[in-house]
Amino acid sequence: MPDSARTTTPFPLDAYFERIGWEGGRRPDAATLRGVQLAHLRAIPFENLDALGGRAPSLDLADLTAKLVHGRRRGGYCYEHNTLYAAALEALGVRVTRLTARVVVGADRFEDRPRTHMALLAELPGDPRPYLADVGFGAVGSLLEPVPLTADTEFHDAGRRHRLVHTPHRGPLETWVLQAHLAGSWEAQYAFTLEPFEPSDYEVINWHIATNPRSPFARRPYVQRLTPDAHLLLDGDRVTVTHADGTATERKLTDEAEARRVLAEEFGIDAPEGLTLLR
């Protein structure tokens, strides 16, 4: 494993806050945690273009800072986003435990889905409640703000509705499920335990997700951007815009030039030269 994730170089908090447009407080409290997460989500898009190009993106913190903070015109997927976010929270004085989750959207059996998503558990000084924090789940059911790790309680995060529930399983640790209220019903998004994972674990998962030819991230562009009014998704050759009231519009891209233009103009991403987007 690269020494990346354990670097002793101070995290560039000022540059990170400038990148996400955060001008609020820097106290390690719930208000800062909520504000920073929402600002991050609205500033840095979710995208898999490195994996689509056949390589695993670096999780080295210096590389992530260069790409997501200083680069301005790129994004990343969950391991990149949440590694960067975790470093920012730790620089603020928040205790962070790195977790993995099974993405279970549409799954009949949760156990059939592997642990391929990275999420975070954030603990604030003087606050007895840990929070589920996550800036890397690219879906309309994603958390816009962290929520307390409390079962069977509905939370409203920047206009969305979520709750955490327990689900039975064979292991010794409790399994939590994040649910989102979508189209009138509660839909499971991902399932996780509180077992800590280390940077070396994510190096393995990241490589598998990016390079396995059966991985959806290696086969088609999957790009998302959050605005104050809408959620934008590019999935393969289709662009879907979901509005705050739940209504959605969809259109199909016709060629490579249009795909690059849409990425640049609507998602704020400059696709790497030589990368074929539509396959």
Protein backbone atom coordinates (compact mmCIF):
# COMPACT_ATOMS: atom_id res chain seq x y z
CA MET A 1 0.00 0.00 0.00
CA PRO A 2 1.27 3.50 -0.70
CA ASP A 3 1.99 5.53 2.41
CA SER A 4 -0.57 7.91 0.95
CA ALA A 5 -3.39 7.68 3.36
CA ARG A 6 -1.12 7.94 6.40
CA THR A 7 0.89 10.93 5.25
CA THR A 8 1.98 13.37 7.95
CA THR A 9 1.76 16.36 5.62
CA PRO A 10 -0.82 18.80 7.03
CA PHE A 11 -4.11 18.67 5.16
CA PRO A 12 -4.67 21.83 3.03
CA LEU A 13 -7.89 22.82 4.79
CA ASP A 14 -7.94 26.37 3.40
CA ALA A 15 -7.69 25.13 -0.19
CA TYR A 16 -10.33 22.46 0.44
CA PHE A 17 -12.77 24.99 1.88
CA GLU A 18 -12.15 27.33 -1.04
CA ARG A 19 -12.82 24.47 -3.46
CA ILE A 20 -16.17 23.60 -1.87
CA GLY A 21 -17.14 27.20 -1.18
CA TRP A 22 -17.37 26.77 2.58
CA GLU A 23 -17.15 30.05 4.49
CA GLY A 24 -18.76 28.86 7.72
CA GLY A 25 -17.29 27.86 11.04
CA ARG A 26 -14.42 25.50 11.69
CA ARG A 27 -15.50 24.11 15.02
CA PRO A 28 -15.83 20.31 15.11
CA ASP A 29 -19.57 20.44 15.77
CA ALA A 30 -22.75 19.22 14.11
CA ALA A 31 -23.43 22.48 12.26
CA THR A 32 -19.99 22.44 10.65
CA LEU A 33 -20.28 18.75 9.83
CA ARG A 34 -23.62 19.28 8.08
CA GLY A 35 -22.50 22.39 6.23
CA VAL A 36 -19.22 20.97 4.99
CA GLN A 37 -20.83 17.77 3.73
CA LEU A 38 -23.49 19.61 1.75
CA ALA A 39 -20.95 22.08 0.34
CA HIS A 40 -18.65 19.23 -0.73
CA LEU A 41 -21.50 17.41 -2.48
CA ARG A 42 -22.53 20.50 -4.42
CA ALA A 43 -19.00 21.43 -5.44
CA ILE A 44 -17.24 18.20 -6.44
CA PRO A 45 -19.00 15.81 -8.83
CA PHE A 46 -19.12 12.03 -8.62
CA GLU A 47 -17.45 10.34 -11.61
CA ASN A 48 -15.66 7.16 -12.65
CA LEU A 49 -13.64 8.33 -15.65
CA ASP A 50 -10.32 6.93 -14.40
CA ALA A 51 -11.87 3.47 -14.04
CA LEU A 52 -13.54 3.85 -17.43
CA GLY A 53 -10.08 4.49 -18.84
CA GLY A 54 -8.80 1.21 -17.40
CA ARG A 55 -6.93 2.30 -14.29
CA ALA A 56 -7.61 2.53 -10.59
CA PRO A 57 -7.52 6.13 -9.33
CA SER A 58 -4.87 6.91 -6.77
CA LEU A 59 -6.02 7.12 -3.15
CA ASP A 60 -2.84 8.94 -2.16
CA LEU A 61 -4.01 12.02 -0.30
CA ALA A 62 -1.64 14.31 -2.21
CA ASP A 63 -2.94 12.92 -5.50
CA LEU A 64 -6.54 13.31 -4.35
CA THR A 65 -5.90 16.90 -3.35
CA ALA A 66 -4.34 17.62 -6.74
CA LYS A 67 -7.26 16.04 -8.59
CA LEU A 68 -10.30 17.04 -6.53
CA VAL A 69 -9.19 20.25 -4.83
CA HIS A 70 -6.67 21.96 -7.08
CA GLY A 71 -7.82 20.30 -10.32
CA ARG A 72 -11.25 21.96 -10.24
CA ARG A 73 -12.58 20.21 -13.36
CA ARG A 74 -12.61 16.61 -12.13
CA GLY A 75 -14.45 14.54 -9.55
CA GLY A 76 -14.13 11.00 -8.25
CA TYR A 77 -15.99 8.06 -6.80
CA CYS A 78 -16.60 6.98 -3.21
CA TYR A 79 -13.07 5.98 -2.17
CA GLU A 80 -11.69 9.27 -3.48
CA HIS A 81 -14.43 11.51 -2.09
CA ASN A 82 -14.60 9.96 1.36
CA THR A 83 -10.82 9.63 1.76
CA LEU A 84 -10.57 13.37 1.08
CA TYR A 85 -13.56 14.18 3.31
CA ALA A 86 -12.19 12.05 6.16
CA ALA A 87 -8.88 13.91 6.03
CA ALA A 88 -10.70 17.25 6.13
CA LEU A 89 -12.82 16.21 9.10
CA GLU A 90 -9.79 14.93 10.98
CA ALA A 91 -8.04 18.24 10.32
CA LEU A 92 -11.02 19.91 12.00
CA GLY A 93 -10.68 17.70 15.07
CA VAL A 94 -13.39 15.15 14.23
CA ARG A 95 -12.70 11.50 15.01
CA VAL A 96 -13.37 9.42 11.89
CA THR A 97 -13.85 5.68 11.50
CA ARG A 98 -13.74 4.41 7.93
CA LEU A 99 -16.43 1.85 7.05
CA THR A 100 -17.51 -0.27 4.09
CA ALA A 101 -21.05 -0.96 2.97
CA ARG A 102 -23.02 -3.21 0.65
CA VAL A 103 -24.94 -1.21 -1.93
CA VAL A 104 -28.35 -2.87 -1.79
CA VAL A 105 -30.54 -0.70 -4.02
CA GLY A 106 -32.96 -3.13 -5.66
CA ALA A 107 -31.44 -6.21 -3.97
CA ASP A 108 -33.60 -9.15 -2.89
CA ARG A 109 -30.88 -10.41 -0.53
CA PHE A 110 -28.39 -7.99 1.00
CA GLU A 111 -25.83 -10.80 1.37
CA ASP A 112 -25.63 -11.12 -2.42
CA ARG A 113 -24.05 -7.68 -2.70
CA PRO A 114 -20.33 -7.26 -1.89
CA ARG A 115 -18.91 -4.54 0.32
CA THR A 116 -17.84 -2.04 -2.30
CA HIS A 117 -18.88 1.32 -0.85
CA MET A 118 -16.88 3.50 1.54
CA ALA A 119 -18.71 5.49 4.22
CA LEU A 120 -17.61 7.26 7.40
CA LEU A 121 -18.56 7.34 11.06
CA ALA A 122 -17.86 10.79 12.54
CA GLU A 123 -17.57 11.45 16.28
CA LEU A 124 -17.63 15.04 17.53
CA PRO A 125 -15.99 16.30 20.73
CA GLY A 126 -18.58 16.55 23.50
CA ASP A 127 -21.35 14.98 21.40
CA PRO A 128 -22.32 11.45 22.51
CA ARG A 129 -23.94 10.67 19.15
CA PRO A 130 -21.80 9.35 16.30
CA TYR A 131 -22.89 10.41 12.80
CA LEU A 132 -23.04 8.55 9.51
CA ALA A 133 -21.23 10.84 7.07
CA ASP A 134 -20.83 10.22 3.34
CA VAL A 135 -19.98 12.37 0.31
CA GLY A 136 -19.35 9.47 -2.06
CA PHE A 137 -22.64 7.67 -2.64
CA GLY A 138 -23.68 8.58 -6.15
CA ALA A 139 -27.45 8.16 -6.10
CA VAL A 140 -30.64 10.16 -5.67
CA GLY A 141 -31.01 8.42 -2.29
CA SER A 142 -27.68 9.67 -0.95
CA LEU A 143 -27.27 11.62 2.28
CA LEU A 144 -26.97 15.37 1.78
CA GLU A 145 -26.04 15.89 5.43
CA PRO A 146 -24.71 13.51 8.09
CA VAL A 147 -27.32 11.82 10.28
CA PRO A 148 -26.98 10.56 13.86
CA LEU A 149 -26.45 6.82 14.20
CA THR A 150 -29.88 6.24 15.70
CA ALA A 151 -32.25 3.46 14.67
CA ASP A 152 -35.84 3.94 13.51
CA THR A 153 -35.78 7.74 13.51
CA GLU A 154 -36.59 9.78 10.43
CA PHE A 155 -34.13 12.53 9.54
CA HIS A 156 -34.61 15.41 7.13
CA ASP A 157 -31.33 16.37 5.46
CA ALA A 158 -31.46 19.38 3.14
CA GLY A 159 -34.85 18.38 1.77
CA ARG A 160 -34.34 14.62 1.64
CA ARG A 161 -35.75 12.05 4.06
CA HIS A 162 -33.66 9.22 5.52
CA ARG A 163 -33.67 6.76 8.36
CA LEU A 164 -31.41 4.04 9.72
CA VAL A 165 -32.77 0.62 10.64
CA HIS A 166 -31.29 -2.65 11.86
CA THR A 167 -31.52 -5.83 9.84
CA PRO A 168 -30.77 -9.36 11.13
CA HIS A 169 -27.70 -11.22 9.93
CA ARG A 170 -25.47 -14.04 11.09
CA GLY A 171 -22.48 -12.02 12.29
CA PRO A 172 -21.75 -10.67 15.76
CA LEU A 173 -21.98 -7.00 14.74
CA GLU A 174 -25.21 -5.10 14.24
CA THR A 175 -26.04 -4.42 10.62
CA TRP A 176 -27.36 -0.95 9.87
CA VAL A 177 -29.30 -0.08 6.73
CA LEU A 178 -29.59 3.42 5.31
CA GLN A 179 -33.03 3.95 3.81
CA ALA A 180 -34.22 6.87 1.68
CA HIS A 181 -37.82 7.93 1.22
CA LEU A 182 -38.33 7.90 -2.55
CA ALA A 183 -41.56 7.96 -4.54
CA GLY A 184 -43.65 7.42 -1.43
CA SER A 185 -41.82 4.47 0.12
CA TRP A 186 -38.69 3.65 2.11
CA GLU A 187 -35.97 2.19 -0.12
CA ALA A 188 -32.80 0.53 1.20
CA GLN A 189 -29.62 2.23 -0.09
CA TYR A 190 -26.75 0.43 1.62
CA ALA A 191 -26.06 -1.86 4.57
CA PHE A 192 -23.04 -1.65 6.86
CA THR A 193 -21.54 -2.63 10.20
CA LEU A 194 -19.29 -0.50 12.38
CA GLU A 195 -16.21 -2.64 11.73
CA PRO A 196 -13.31 -0.25 11.03
CA PHE A 197 -11.54 -0.55 7.70
CA GLU A 198 -8.02 0.65 6.94
CA PRO A 199 -6.50 2.42 3.92
CA SER A 200 -4.94 -0.87 2.79
CA ASP A 201 -8.42 -2.40 2.58
CA TYR A 202 -9.60 0.33 0.24
CA GLU A 203 -6.56 -0.08 -1.99
CA VAL A 204 -7.71 -3.65 -2.71
CA ILE A 205 -11.39 -2.78 -3.18
CA ASN A 206 -10.55 0.26 -5.32
CA TRP A 207 -8.36 -1.80 -7.65
CA HIS A 208 -11.04 -4.47 -8.02
CA ILE A 209 -13.86 -2.02 -8.74
CA ALA A 210 -11.79 -0.05 -11.26
CA THR A 211 -10.19 -2.92 -13.18
CA ASN A 212 -12.56 -5.89 -13.02
CA PRO A 213 -14.12 -6.08 -16.50
CA ARG A 214 -17.46 -7.03 -14.91
CA SER A 215 -17.52 -3.90 -12.77
CA PRO A 216 -20.13 -1.41 -13.99
CA PHE A 217 -17.66 1.41 -13.29
CA ALA A 218 -15.24 -0.08 -15.82
CA ARG A 219 -17.85 -0.33 -18.58
CA ARG A 220 -19.77 2.93 -18.80
CA PRO A 221 -19.59 6.54 -17.62
CA TYR A 222 -21.40 7.09 -14.34
CA VAL A 223 -21.34 10.76 -13.41
CA GLN A 224 -23.46 12.74 -10.97
CA ARG A 225 -23.70 16.33 -9.89
CA LEU A 226 -25.81 17.89 -7.17
CA THR A 227 -27.16 21.43 -7.46
CA PRO A 228 -29.43 23.31 -5.03
CA ASP A 229 -32.39 22.49 -7.29
CA ALA A 230 -31.66 19.15 -8.95
CA HIS A 231 -29.68 15.92 -9.16
CA LEU A 232 -27.95 15.34 -12.51
CA LEU A 233 -26.97 11.84 -13.65
CA LEU A 234 -25.08 10.63 -16.71
CA ASP A 235 -25.39 6.84 -16.88
CA GLY A 236 -23.99 5.45 -20.10
CA ASP A 237 -25.53 7.50 -22.88
CA ARG A 238 -28.50 8.84 -20.87
CA VAL A 239 -28.77 12.05 -18.89
CA THR A 240 -31.42 12.19 -16.15
CA VAL A 241 -32.30 15.34 -14.24
CA THR A 242 -34.27 14.73 -11.03
CA HIS A 243 -35.84 17.84 -9.53
CA ALA A 244 -36.51 18.59 -5.87
CA ASP A 245 -40.19 17.69 -6.26
CA GLY A 246 -39.27 14.21 -7.50
CA THR A 247 -40.07 14.81 -11.16
CA ALA A 248 -37.43 13.73 -13.65
CA THR A 249 -36.54 14.25 -17.29
CA GLU A 250 -34.34 11.99 -19.41
CA ARG A 251 -32.58 12.36 -22.72
CA LYS A 252 -30.19 10.25 -24.78
CA LEU A 253 -26.81 11.47 -25.99
CA THR A 254 -26.15 11.00 -29.67
CA ASP A 255 -22.37 10.95 -30.03
CA GLU A 256 -18.99 11.37 -28.35
CA ALA A 257 -18.80 15.10 -29.00
CA GLU A 258 -22.14 15.68 -27.29
CA ALA A 259 -21.08 13.54 -24.32
CA ARG A 260 -17.93 15.61 -23.83
CA ARG A 261 -19.86 18.85 -24.16
CA VAL A 262 -22.47 17.74 -21.61
CA LEU A 263 -19.77 16.70 -19.15
CA ALA A 264 -18.07 20.07 -19.49
CA GLU A 265 -21.13 22.32 -19.49
CA GLU A 266 -23.57 20.50 -17.20
CA PHE A 267 -21.30 18.49 -14.89
CA GLY A 268 -18.24 20.75 -14.75
CA ILE A 269 -15.88 17.95 -15.83
CA ASP A 270 -13.20 17.96 -18.50
CA ALA A 271 -12.95 14.35 -19.71
CA PRO A 272 -9.37 13.05 -20.17
CA GLU A 273 -8.01 13.19 -23.70
CA GLY A 274 -8.27 9.90 -25.55
CA LEU A 275 -11.02 8.49 -23.33
CA THR A 276 -14.00 6.98 -25.16
CA LEU A 277 -17.14 7.81 -23.22
CA LEU A 278 -19.92 6.15 -25.22
CA ARG A 279 -19.46 2.42 -25.79
